[in-house]
Amino acid sequence: MKNSIFITLCSLLLTTTISAHATKTIGDPTQIFKEKFESKVTELYQEYHLQGDFLVGVVGENGLIYSQVINKQSINGEKSSINNNTPFFIASHTKAMTGTLLKILEEEGLVNLNKSLYDYLPELISNNKINAKTITVRQLLNHTSGFTSTMHSFKTAFLGATEGEKELIEALNNKILSAPAGKFRYSNTGPIIAGMIVEKVTGNSWQEEMHKRIFLPLQMNMTSAKVSDYPVGSILPSIETTTSNTIFRSGFYKTDNTMHAAGGTITTMHDMAKWLQFNITEEISIIKDKKSFSELHQATTTQKKTYFTYERVGYSLGWDIATYHGETILTRFGGYGGISFHASFMPSKKLGIIAFSNDERAYTLPHLTANYLYNLASGNKSADMIFEQEKLSFKKAFDSQNKQALSIAMLLDSTNANDKLIGTYKSDDNWPLITITKSNNRYSLKWGELSGPILSNNNSEQPFLAALGPLNRVFSVQIRKGKIITLTNGSLKYTKIK
């Protein structure tokens, strides 16, 4: 798998360029996208001095009909190094794929969504707060199972587990947070456990089954659930900015150890268009029974929440069911460490949007631009006015995030006192070790799979801040007789062991 993706990626990067001048076809709105959309988004990019890359694609019944990249290269008239085959991370959109995978397995008689968690994994839940016999596989997928664990969430998404599944099962049962079963409560826990059920009934990992039953048959040849399948540096990174609008840090912070069934897929615009086309057309291919789409694309539970401009009213096995200007829209977004991903489609219009941004301040940009494209495509004469109104929400989110920006000036000074931080710390619970080192007069903290610089935090109780990419963690230390004894990481207690 790794070699095939590497060869395919190298070949496509050499031969394919983004369709910045997409061919106009009869009946599609490509020309108006070029005339209005590109200039509007370019103006916004320049107005807010954005960093990084913005990718967008429009998908119809016949696949990708328009795509564009906007970044500093494109604005300066330079040839972009990014194209429709550049890999990017889609984070929580993975849940839509995991739900589809379980439905495929149900069609084949390998899984019954009405059966309980206990039926498949009887030893998984040891915490007496949870009755695994009353929680169905369907509830795991639609976030109504009623439980989660902070430690499990952190280890699967950010920190990794050195002891593999055994450690993750222990984490899952650590200080379980429970809510009434049957009530919608979004978390990564349910889909991750559903991925474990996939492994139990097939004998293969969920990654292998995703490749076998979704990616391969849909010819999503550049899509994988493993970071190691891609050349180092080829996946679009997160971009963190400073208070002076320069790049503070850039990187991709996922590893194979933190890719999971609720947020662990890397794809491309070209491949993602095939996935969205499959959902728009409800094509009988990887799904064999048309009736199966009722649970994939219609609500299996209710929710009531507004996100950006979308009024969410339900959740299927992997998609949020929402409305936008009275139109039903299915969305499943993703975010991780500054990366913001948007995928949606309107069933009645047979139209979908893919959008990606990696400037951490512009996490609502994909949603703002997707709405504009929908309004342009529908011929809405108020499209520009709606864009300006929704842009106010973008500005509010941008300004809020910008206030939290870090700066080079905050990097912790090299002093004898701060040198006492150097060492290894062990938690009282089974959290990963923390290691603090010093190089070139700068201090760094490593926590599980994540690492990053230590900065001064303007808080006397938590004077230090570790910038770990997708996580910023404040911490303090306790000194006794001139030596550091303990480190408090948020609410977690650590003891210095060397």
Protein backbone atom coordinates (compact mmCIF):
# COMPACT_ATOMS: atom_id res chain seq x y z
CA MET A 1 0.00 0.00 0.00
CA LYS A 2 2.75 2.43 1.00
CA ASN A 3 4.79 1.93 -2.16
CA SER A 4 1.73 2.14 -4.44
CA ILE A 5 0.63 5.45 -2.93
CA PHE A 6 4.17 6.83 -3.10
CA ILE A 7 4.51 5.91 -6.79
CA THR A 8 1.02 7.21 -7.61
CA LEU A 9 1.66 10.46 -5.75
CA CYS A 10 4.96 11.12 -7.48
CA SER A 11 3.42 10.41 -10.88
CA LEU A 12 0.38 12.61 -10.33
CA LEU A 13 2.36 15.49 -8.90
CA LEU A 14 4.42 15.51 -12.05
CA THR A 15 1.52 15.27 -14.47
CA THR A 16 -1.48 17.00 -12.88
CA THR A 17 -2.12 20.63 -12.13
CA ILE A 18 -5.09 22.19 -10.41
CA SER A 19 -8.01 23.08 -12.63
CA ALA A 20 -7.71 26.79 -12.06
CA HIS A 21 -9.06 27.23 -15.57
CA ALA A 22 -11.66 24.45 -15.44
CA THR A 23 -13.40 23.74 -18.71
CA LYS A 24 -16.92 25.04 -18.85
CA THR A 25 -19.49 22.37 -19.61
CA ILE A 26 -23.09 22.77 -20.63
CA GLY A 27 -25.39 23.08 -17.65
CA ASP A 28 -22.75 23.63 -14.95
CA PRO A 29 -22.04 27.00 -13.28
CA THR A 30 -18.25 26.85 -13.68
CA GLN A 31 -17.97 30.22 -15.41
CA ILE A 32 -19.74 32.16 -12.67
CA PHE A 33 -17.49 30.47 -10.13
CA LYS A 34 -14.48 31.80 -11.99
CA GLU A 35 -15.98 35.25 -12.51
CA LYS A 36 -17.21 35.88 -8.98
CA PHE A 37 -16.04 33.26 -6.51
CA GLU A 38 -12.31 33.37 -7.18
CA SER A 39 -12.03 37.16 -6.97
CA LYS A 40 -14.20 37.28 -3.84
CA VAL A 41 -12.13 34.71 -1.97
CA THR A 42 -8.83 36.18 -3.18
CA GLU A 43 -9.92 39.56 -1.80
CA LEU A 44 -10.78 37.96 1.53
CA TYR A 45 -7.45 36.10 1.64
CA GLN A 46 -5.61 39.39 1.11
CA GLU A 47 -7.83 41.40 3.45
CA TYR A 48 -7.14 39.07 6.37
CA HIS A 49 -3.50 38.41 5.42
CA LEU A 50 -4.11 34.68 5.48
CA GLN A 51 -1.31 32.17 5.51
CA GLY A 52 -1.33 28.68 4.11
CA ASP A 53 -3.59 27.13 1.52
CA PHE A 54 -7.26 27.15 0.67
CA LEU A 55 -8.60 24.36 -1.56
CA VAL A 56 -12.13 24.08 -2.86
CA GLY A 57 -14.04 21.76 -5.19
CA VAL A 58 -17.58 21.51 -6.50
CA VAL A 59 -18.97 18.04 -7.18
CA GLY A 60 -22.00 17.00 -9.21
CA GLU A 61 -23.52 13.72 -10.34
CA ASN A 62 -20.66 13.25 -12.83
CA GLY A 63 -17.87 14.06 -10.40
CA LEU A 64 -15.62 17.09 -9.91
CA ILE A 65 -16.81 20.00 -12.04
CA TYR A 66 -14.72 22.83 -10.59
CA SER A 67 -11.70 23.18 -8.31
CA GLN A 68 -9.36 25.91 -7.24
CA VAL A 69 -6.43 26.61 -4.94
CA ILE A 70 -5.91 30.04 -3.43
CA ASN A 71 -2.69 30.78 -1.59
CA LYS A 72 0.22 33.21 -1.77
CA GLN A 73 1.62 31.46 -4.84
CA SER A 74 -1.60 31.79 -6.82
CA ILE A 75 -2.17 35.38 -5.74
CA ASN A 76 1.38 36.30 -6.83
CA GLY A 77 0.80 34.70 -10.21
CA GLU A 78 3.19 31.84 -9.52
CA LYS A 79 2.54 28.22 -10.41
CA SER A 80 1.09 26.49 -7.36
CA SER A 81 2.84 23.42 -6.02
CA ILE A 82 -0.56 22.14 -4.91
CA ASN A 83 -3.01 20.31 -7.14
CA ASN A 84 -5.99 17.96 -7.08
CA ASN A 85 -3.72 15.12 -5.96
CA THR A 86 -2.08 16.85 -3.02
CA PRO A 87 -2.83 14.88 0.17
CA PHE A 88 -4.68 16.55 3.05
CA PHE A 89 -6.22 15.42 6.32
CA ILE A 90 -10.02 15.28 6.68
CA ALA A 91 -10.17 14.51 10.42
CA SER A 92 -13.73 13.86 11.64
CA HIS A 93 -15.17 13.41 8.17
CA THR A 94 -13.79 9.90 8.66
CA LYS A 95 -16.94 9.21 10.71
CA ALA A 96 -19.08 9.31 7.56
CA MET A 97 -16.83 6.68 5.98
CA THR A 98 -16.82 4.52 9.11
CA GLY A 99 -20.62 4.59 9.21
CA THR A 100 -20.72 3.51 5.57
CA LEU A 101 -18.23 0.72 6.26
CA LEU A 102 -20.40 -0.69 9.05
CA LYS A 103 -23.46 -0.53 6.80
CA ILE A 104 -21.58 -2.47 4.11
CA LEU A 105 -20.63 -5.11 6.66
CA GLU A 106 -24.27 -5.31 7.79
CA GLU A 107 -25.35 -5.92 4.20
CA GLU A 108 -22.88 -8.79 4.06
CA GLY A 109 -24.21 -10.28 7.29
CA LEU A 110 -21.02 -9.68 9.27
CA VAL A 111 -22.52 -7.06 11.61
CA ASN A 112 -26.00 -6.36 12.93
CA LEU A 113 -26.42 -2.71 13.89
CA ASN A 114 -29.23 -3.71 16.28
CA LYS A 115 -26.97 -5.99 18.29
CA SER A 116 -25.25 -4.73 21.39
CA LEU A 117 -21.70 -3.69 22.08
CA TYR A 118 -21.54 -6.64 24.50
CA ASP A 119 -22.46 -9.09 21.74
CA TYR A 120 -19.27 -8.20 19.85
CA LEU A 121 -16.84 -7.02 22.54
CA PRO A 122 -18.00 -8.51 25.86
CA GLU A 123 -14.73 -7.76 27.67
CA LEU A 124 -14.37 -4.17 26.50
CA ILE A 125 -16.31 -2.30 29.20
CA SER A 126 -15.33 -3.09 32.78
CA ASN A 127 -16.60 0.16 34.32
CA ASN A 128 -19.91 -0.52 36.08
CA LYS A 129 -21.25 2.88 35.04
CA ILE A 130 -21.94 1.48 31.59
CA ASN A 131 -24.15 -1.45 30.61
CA ALA A 132 -22.68 -2.65 27.31
CA LYS A 133 -25.65 -5.00 26.81
CA THR A 134 -28.01 -2.06 26.27
CA ILE A 135 -25.86 -0.11 23.79
CA THR A 136 -26.30 -1.00 20.12
CA VAL A 137 -23.77 -0.70 17.34
CA ARG A 138 -26.08 1.88 15.74
CA GLN A 139 -25.81 4.00 18.91
CA LEU A 140 -22.03 3.85 18.71
CA LEU A 141 -22.22 5.35 15.22
CA ASN A 142 -24.83 8.04 15.87
CA HIS A 143 -23.41 9.32 19.17
CA THR A 144 -26.22 8.10 21.43
CA SER A 145 -24.23 5.46 23.34
CA GLY A 146 -24.01 7.81 26.30
CA PHE A 147 -20.38 7.56 27.37
CA THR A 148 -16.84 8.68 26.66
CA SER A 149 -13.49 8.95 28.41
CA THR A 150 -11.15 11.94 28.43
CA MET A 151 -8.05 9.77 28.64
CA HIS A 152 -9.20 7.56 25.77
CA SER A 153 -10.02 10.62 23.65
CA PHE A 154 -6.62 12.18 24.30
CA LYS A 155 -4.64 9.00 23.65
CA THR A 156 -6.45 8.08 20.44
CA ALA A 157 -6.46 11.58 18.93
CA PHE A 158 -3.29 13.22 20.24
CA LEU A 159 -0.92 11.24 22.43
CA GLY A 160 -0.91 7.69 21.14
CA ALA A 161 -0.52 4.49 23.15
CA THR A 162 2.78 2.64 23.55
CA GLU A 163 1.05 -0.60 24.61
CA GLY A 164 -1.47 -0.60 21.77
CA GLU A 165 -5.04 -1.82 22.22
CA LYS A 166 -4.53 -3.01 25.80
CA GLU A 167 -3.60 0.48 26.92
CA LEU A 168 -6.48 2.05 24.98
CA ILE A 169 -9.01 -0.31 26.57
CA GLU A 170 -7.71 0.62 30.02
CA ALA A 171 -7.98 4.30 29.02
CA LEU A 172 -11.53 3.80 27.81
CA ASN A 173 -12.55 2.55 31.26
CA ASN A 174 -10.69 5.32 33.07
CA LYS A 175 -13.03 7.84 34.70
CA ILE A 176 -15.82 7.28 32.20
CA LEU A 177 -18.07 10.27 31.58
CA SER A 178 -21.63 9.09 31.17
CA ALA A 179 -24.85 10.63 29.96
CA PRO A 180 -28.30 9.10 29.42
CA ALA A 181 -28.03 6.47 26.68
CA GLY A 182 -30.13 7.44 23.70
CA LYS A 183 -29.33 11.15 23.96
CA PHE A 184 -27.16 12.65 21.21
CA ARG A 185 -23.72 13.51 22.54
CA TYR A 186 -21.01 13.95 19.95
CA SER A 187 -17.65 12.31 20.63
CA ASN A 188 -15.02 10.13 18.99
CA THR A 189 -15.64 7.20 21.31
CA GLY A 190 -18.52 5.43 19.53
CA PRO A 191 -17.03 5.33 16.01
CA ILE A 192 -13.65 4.20 17.44
CA ILE A 193 -15.34 1.27 19.18
CA ALA A 194 -17.24 0.54 15.96
CA GLY A 195 -13.82 0.29 14.31
CA MET A 196 -12.84 -2.30 16.93
CA ILE A 197 -15.96 -4.28 16.06
CA VAL A 198 -14.89 -4.21 12.41
CA GLU A 199 -11.61 -5.83 13.42
CA LYS A 200 -13.40 -8.44 15.54
CA VAL A 201 -15.79 -9.61 12.79
CA THR A 202 -13.40 -9.42 9.82
CA GLY A 203 -10.02 -10.25 11.34
CA ASN A 204 -8.62 -7.12 9.66
CA SER A 205 -7.99 -3.64 11.01
CA TRP A 206 -10.54 -0.95 10.23
CA GLN A 207 -7.86 0.69 8.05
CA GLU A 208 -7.55 -2.44 5.92
CA GLU A 209 -11.31 -2.83 5.65
CA MET A 210 -11.75 0.84 4.72
CA HIS A 211 -9.22 0.37 1.93
CA LYS A 212 -10.75 -2.92 0.78
CA ARG A 213 -14.44 -1.97 0.86
CA ILE A 214 -14.48 1.79 0.18
CA PHE A 215 -11.26 3.31 -1.14
CA LEU A 216 -10.31 0.57 -3.60
CA PRO A 217 -13.74 0.00 -5.22
CA LEU A 218 -14.38 3.76 -5.51
CA GLN A 219 -10.91 4.12 -7.07
CA MET A 220 -9.80 6.48 -4.31
CA ASN A 221 -6.21 5.47 -5.03
CA MET A 222 -4.57 8.30 -3.11
CA THR A 223 -6.64 7.83 0.07
CA SER A 224 -5.42 6.03 3.17
CA ALA A 225 -5.90 5.79 6.92
CA LYS A 226 -2.15 5.58 7.49
CA VAL A 227 0.22 8.56 7.60
CA SER A 228 3.11 6.26 6.73
CA ASP A 229 1.59 5.63 3.29
CA TYR A 230 2.66 9.14 2.21
CA PRO A 231 6.11 10.65 1.63
CA VAL A 232 7.28 12.80 4.53
CA GLY A 233 6.26 16.42 3.98
CA SER A 234 3.71 15.67 1.26
CA ILE A 235 0.58 16.08 3.47
CA LEU A 236 -0.60 19.69 3.81
CA PRO A 237 0.41 20.96 7.27
CA SER A 238 -1.30 23.03 9.92
CA ILE A 239 -0.22 26.68 9.95
CA GLU A 240 0.09 28.51 13.26
CA THR A 241 0.57 32.27 13.07
CA THR A 242 2.09 34.83 15.40
CA THR A 243 0.57 38.04 16.70
CA SER A 244 2.50 39.86 13.97
CA ASN A 245 1.00 37.61 11.25
CA THR A 246 4.11 35.60 10.54
CA ILE A 247 4.23 31.82 10.68
CA PHE A 248 4.98 30.62 14.21
CA ARG A 249 4.99 26.94 13.35
CA SER A 250 3.98 24.65 10.53
CA GLY A 251 3.59 20.90 10.73
CA PHE A 252 1.44 17.82 10.38
CA TYR A 253 0.91 16.33 13.83
CA LYS A 254 -0.74 12.99 13.14
CA THR A 255 1.05 9.63 13.19
CA ASP A 256 -0.17 6.10 12.49
CA ASN A 257 -0.54 5.78 16.26
CA THR A 258 -3.15 8.56 16.42
CA MET A 259 -5.19 7.75 13.31
CA HIS A 260 -8.54 6.27 14.32
CA ALA A 261 -11.97 5.40 12.96
CA ALA A 262 -13.47 8.69 14.14
CA GLY A 263 -10.78 10.90 12.61
CA GLY A 264 -8.06 9.18 10.65
CA THR A 265 -8.20 9.62 6.88
CA ILE A 266 -5.93 11.37 4.39
CA THR A 267 -7.22 11.99 0.89
CA THR A 268 -7.01 14.35 -2.10
CA MET A 269 -9.45 16.62 -3.91
CA HIS A 270 -9.59 14.13 -6.78
CA ASP A 271 -10.41 11.20 -4.49
CA MET A 272 -12.73 13.13 -2.22
CA ALA A 273 -14.80 14.10 -5.26
CA LYS A 274 -15.36 10.39 -5.98
CA TRP A 275 -16.56 9.82 -2.42
CA LEU A 276 -18.92 12.79 -2.57
CA GLN A 277 -20.18 11.75 -6.01
CA PHE A 278 -21.02 8.31 -4.59
CA ASN A 279 -23.08 9.95 -1.84
CA ILE A 280 -24.79 12.44 -4.16
CA THR A 281 -25.88 9.79 -6.66
CA GLU A 282 -26.51 7.07 -4.04
CA GLU A 283 -24.76 4.78 -6.44
CA ILE A 284 -25.28 1.04 -6.00
CA SER A 285 -21.66 -0.05 -5.96
CA ILE A 286 -20.04 -0.49 -2.57
CA ILE A 287 -23.58 -0.33 -1.18
CA LYS A 288 -25.68 -3.12 -2.68
CA ASP A 289 -29.17 -2.23 -1.41
CA LYS A 290 -30.62 1.21 -2.18
CA LYS A 291 -32.53 1.03 1.12
CA SER A 292 -29.24 1.16 3.03
CA PHE A 293 -28.92 4.84 2.14
CA SER A 294 -31.90 5.61 4.37
CA GLU A 295 -29.69 5.23 7.45
CA LEU A 296 -26.63 6.73 5.81
CA HIS A 297 -28.37 9.89 4.60
CA GLN A 298 -31.37 10.30 6.88
CA ALA A 299 -31.57 10.99 10.60
CA THR A 300 -31.24 8.01 12.93
CA THR A 301 -31.42 10.34 15.93
CA THR A 302 -32.26 13.98 16.57
CA GLN A 303 -30.07 16.89 17.54
CA LYS A 304 -30.70 20.58 17.85
CA LYS A 305 -27.64 22.73 17.33
CA THR A 306 -26.54 25.64 15.20
CA TYR A 307 -23.04 25.44 13.75
CA PHE A 308 -21.97 28.45 11.70
CA THR A 309 -25.05 28.89 9.49
CA TYR A 310 -26.30 25.30 9.61
CA GLU A 311 -29.30 24.32 11.71
CA ARG A 312 -28.56 20.73 12.65
CA VAL A 313 -31.69 18.69 13.24
CA GLY A 314 -30.46 15.09 13.07
CA TYR A 315 -27.58 12.69 12.64
CA SER A 316 -27.42 9.62 10.41
CA LEU A 317 -24.74 6.94 10.79
CA GLY A 318 -22.07 9.51 9.98
CA TRP A 319 -23.55 12.73 8.56
CA ASP A 320 -25.11 15.74 10.27
CA ILE A 321 -28.56 16.42 8.82
CA ALA A 322 -29.06 20.18 8.68
CA THR A 323 -30.83 22.97 6.86
CA TYR A 324 -29.40 26.00 5.12
CA HIS A 325 -31.82 28.63 3.87
CA GLY A 326 -34.60 26.06 4.04
CA GLU A 327 -32.65 23.52 2.00
CA THR A 328 -31.66 20.14 3.46
CA ILE A 329 -27.90 19.80 3.55
CA LEU A 330 -25.79 16.88 4.77
CA THR A 331 -22.51 17.94 6.30
CA ARG A 332 -19.58 16.23 7.98
CA PHE A 333 -16.72 18.50 8.85
CA GLY A 334 -13.30 17.93 10.38
CA GLY A 335 -10.77 19.96 12.32
CA TYR A 336 -7.37 19.26 13.82
CA GLY A 337 -4.67 21.65 14.96
CA GLY A 338 -5.59 24.48 12.59
CA ILE A 339 -6.78 22.26 9.75
CA SER A 340 -10.42 22.85 8.84
CA PHE A 341 -12.22 20.58 6.41
CA HIS A 342 -15.70 20.94 4.91
CA ALA A 343 -17.65 18.31 2.98
CA SER A 344 -21.35 18.68 2.30
CA PHE A 345 -24.01 18.02 -0.30
CA MET A 346 -27.57 19.06 -1.03
CA PRO A 347 -29.54 15.97 -2.12
CA SER A 348 -32.22 17.93 -3.98
CA LYS A 349 -29.66 19.84 -6.05
CA LYS A 350 -27.31 16.87 -6.59
CA LEU A 351 -24.47 19.19 -5.69
CA GLY A 352 -21.68 18.98 -3.13
CA ILE A 353 -18.78 21.10 -1.89
CA ILE A 354 -15.31 20.17 -0.64
CA ALA A 355 -13.24 22.87 1.06
CA PHE A 356 -9.99 22.82 3.06
CA SER A 357 -8.06 25.50 4.94
CA ASN A 358 -4.93 25.15 7.08
CA ASP A 359 -4.63 28.65 8.59
CA GLU A 360 -5.76 28.09 12.18
CA ARG A 361 -7.47 31.49 12.33
CA ALA A 362 -9.59 30.78 9.24
CA TYR A 363 -11.36 27.65 10.42
CA THR A 364 -14.75 28.97 9.27
CA LEU A 365 -13.47 29.91 5.80
CA PRO A 366 -14.42 26.54 4.23
CA HIS A 367 -18.02 26.95 5.44
CA LEU A 368 -18.31 30.59 4.36
CA THR A 369 -17.05 29.81 0.86
CA ALA A 370 -19.12 26.64 0.51
CA ASN A 371 -22.26 28.65 1.21
CA TYR A 372 -21.29 31.22 -1.41
CA LEU A 373 -20.79 28.48 -3.99
CA TYR A 374 -24.17 26.95 -3.20
CA ASN A 375 -25.84 30.33 -3.57
CA LEU A 376 -24.05 31.08 -6.83
CA ALA A 377 -24.89 27.65 -8.22
CA SER A 378 -28.57 28.07 -7.39
CA GLY A 379 -28.67 31.44 -9.12
CA ASN A 380 -29.54 33.26 -5.89
CA LYS A 381 -29.46 36.98 -6.74
CA SER A 382 -28.67 37.71 -3.09
CA ALA A 383 -25.54 35.55 -3.09
CA ASP A 384 -23.17 38.49 -2.65
CA MET A 385 -25.27 40.07 0.09
CA ILE A 386 -25.51 36.75 1.96
CA PHE A 387 -21.75 36.33 1.65
CA GLU A 388 -21.15 39.75 3.25
CA GLN A 389 -23.57 38.95 6.06
CA GLU A 390 -21.97 35.57 6.76
CA LYS A 391 -18.54 37.13 6.51
CA LEU A 392 -19.32 38.88 9.82
CA SER A 393 -19.41 35.47 11.51
CA PHE A 394 -16.13 34.60 9.83
CA LYS A 395 -14.59 37.85 11.12
CA LYS A 396 -15.77 37.19 14.66
CA ALA A 397 -14.25 33.71 14.68
CA PHE A 398 -11.06 34.94 13.00
CA ASP A 399 -10.58 37.78 15.51
CA SER A 400 -11.21 35.48 18.45
CA GLN A 401 -8.63 32.99 17.24
CA ASN A 402 -6.18 35.73 16.33
CA LYS A 403 -6.22 37.02 19.92
CA GLN A 404 -4.91 33.63 21.03
CA ALA A 405 -1.98 33.73 18.61
CA LEU A 406 1.45 32.99 20.04
CA SER A 407 4.58 35.03 19.44
CA ILE A 408 8.30 34.38 19.23
CA ALA A 409 8.73 36.82 22.11
CA MET A 410 6.85 34.40 24.36
CA LEU A 411 9.47 31.65 24.00
CA LEU A 412 10.80 30.77 27.42
CA ASP A 413 14.11 32.45 28.25
CA SER A 414 17.16 30.32 28.87
CA THR A 415 17.99 30.74 32.58
CA ASN A 416 19.44 28.64 35.39
CA ALA A 417 16.03 28.62 37.03
CA ASN A 418 14.31 27.39 33.89
CA ASP A 419 17.00 24.75 33.37
CA LYS A 420 15.50 22.99 36.39
CA LEU A 421 12.53 22.09 34.17
CA ILE A 422 14.71 19.71 32.15
CA GLY A 423 13.93 16.09 32.93
CA THR A 424 11.33 13.34 32.76
CA TYR A 425 7.99 13.35 34.55
CA LYS A 426 5.66 10.44 35.31
CA SER A 427 1.94 10.80 35.97
CA ASP A 428 0.13 9.42 39.00
CA ASP A 429 -2.26 7.81 36.49
CA ASN A 430 -1.37 6.01 33.26
CA TRP A 431 -0.85 9.13 31.14
CA PRO A 432 2.20 9.27 28.83
CA LEU A 433 5.53 10.48 30.18
CA ILE A 434 6.42 14.14 29.81
CA THR A 435 9.99 14.94 28.79
CA ILE A 436 11.47 18.45 28.80
CA THR A 437 14.70 19.10 26.93
CA LYS A 438 16.80 22.08 25.90
CA SER A 439 18.49 22.76 22.57
CA ASN A 440 19.95 26.00 21.19
CA ASN A 441 18.81 27.82 24.35
CA ARG A 442 15.19 26.84 23.75
CA TYR A 443 13.08 24.46 25.83
CA SER A 444 10.83 21.80 24.35
CA LEU A 445 8.22 19.52 25.87
CA LYS A 446 7.30 16.08 24.56
CA TRP A 447 4.04 14.44 25.64
CA GLY A 448 3.28 11.16 23.94
CA GLU A 449 3.30 11.65 20.16
CA LEU A 450 3.26 15.45 20.44
CA SER A 451 6.10 17.87 21.08
CA GLY A 452 6.71 21.58 20.83
CA PRO A 453 8.35 24.68 22.33
CA ILE A 454 7.72 25.95 25.84
CA LEU A 455 6.57 29.56 26.17
CA SER A 456 5.96 31.92 29.05
CA ASN A 457 2.30 32.09 30.00
CA ASN A 458 0.95 35.30 31.49
CA ASN A 459 -0.55 33.53 34.48
CA SER A 460 1.15 33.25 37.86
CA GLU A 461 -0.62 29.98 38.71
CA GLN A 462 0.18 28.31 35.35
CA PRO A 463 3.32 30.20 34.21
CA PHE A 464 4.34 27.87 31.37
CA LEU A 465 2.70 26.95 28.07
CA ALA A 466 3.64 24.03 25.82
CA ALA A 467 2.70 24.65 22.17
CA LEU A 468 2.10 21.11 20.93
CA GLY A 469 0.41 21.83 17.61
CA PRO A 470 -3.17 20.61 18.05
CA LEU A 471 -2.87 21.21 21.81
CA ASN A 472 -1.68 24.15 23.86
CA ARG A 473 -1.16 22.97 27.44
CA VAL A 474 -0.46 25.27 30.38
CA PHE A 475 1.47 23.87 33.30
CA SER A 476 3.13 24.75 36.57
CA VAL A 477 5.80 23.16 38.75
CA GLN A 478 6.25 22.74 42.48
CA ILE A 479 9.72 23.42 43.86
CA ARG A 480 11.01 22.05 47.14
CA LYS A 481 14.50 22.77 48.47
CA GLY A 482 15.50 24.24 45.13
CA LYS A 483 14.42 21.19 43.13
CA ILE A 484 11.33 20.61 41.02
CA ILE A 485 9.25 17.89 42.61
CA THR A 486 6.01 17.84 40.63
CA LEU A 487 4.53 19.22 37.42
CA THR A 488 0.84 19.99 37.02
CA ASN A 489 -0.33 19.66 33.42
CA GLY A 490 -3.83 21.16 33.41
CA SER A 491 -5.48 19.01 36.07
CA LEU A 492 -3.00 16.13 35.70
CA LYS A 493 -0.32 15.58 38.35
CA TYR A 494 3.18 14.47 37.35
CA THR A 495 6.22 13.58 39.49
CA LYS A 496 9.75 14.30 38.32
CA ILE A 497 11.60 10.97 38.12
CA LYS A 498 14.91 12.13 36.63
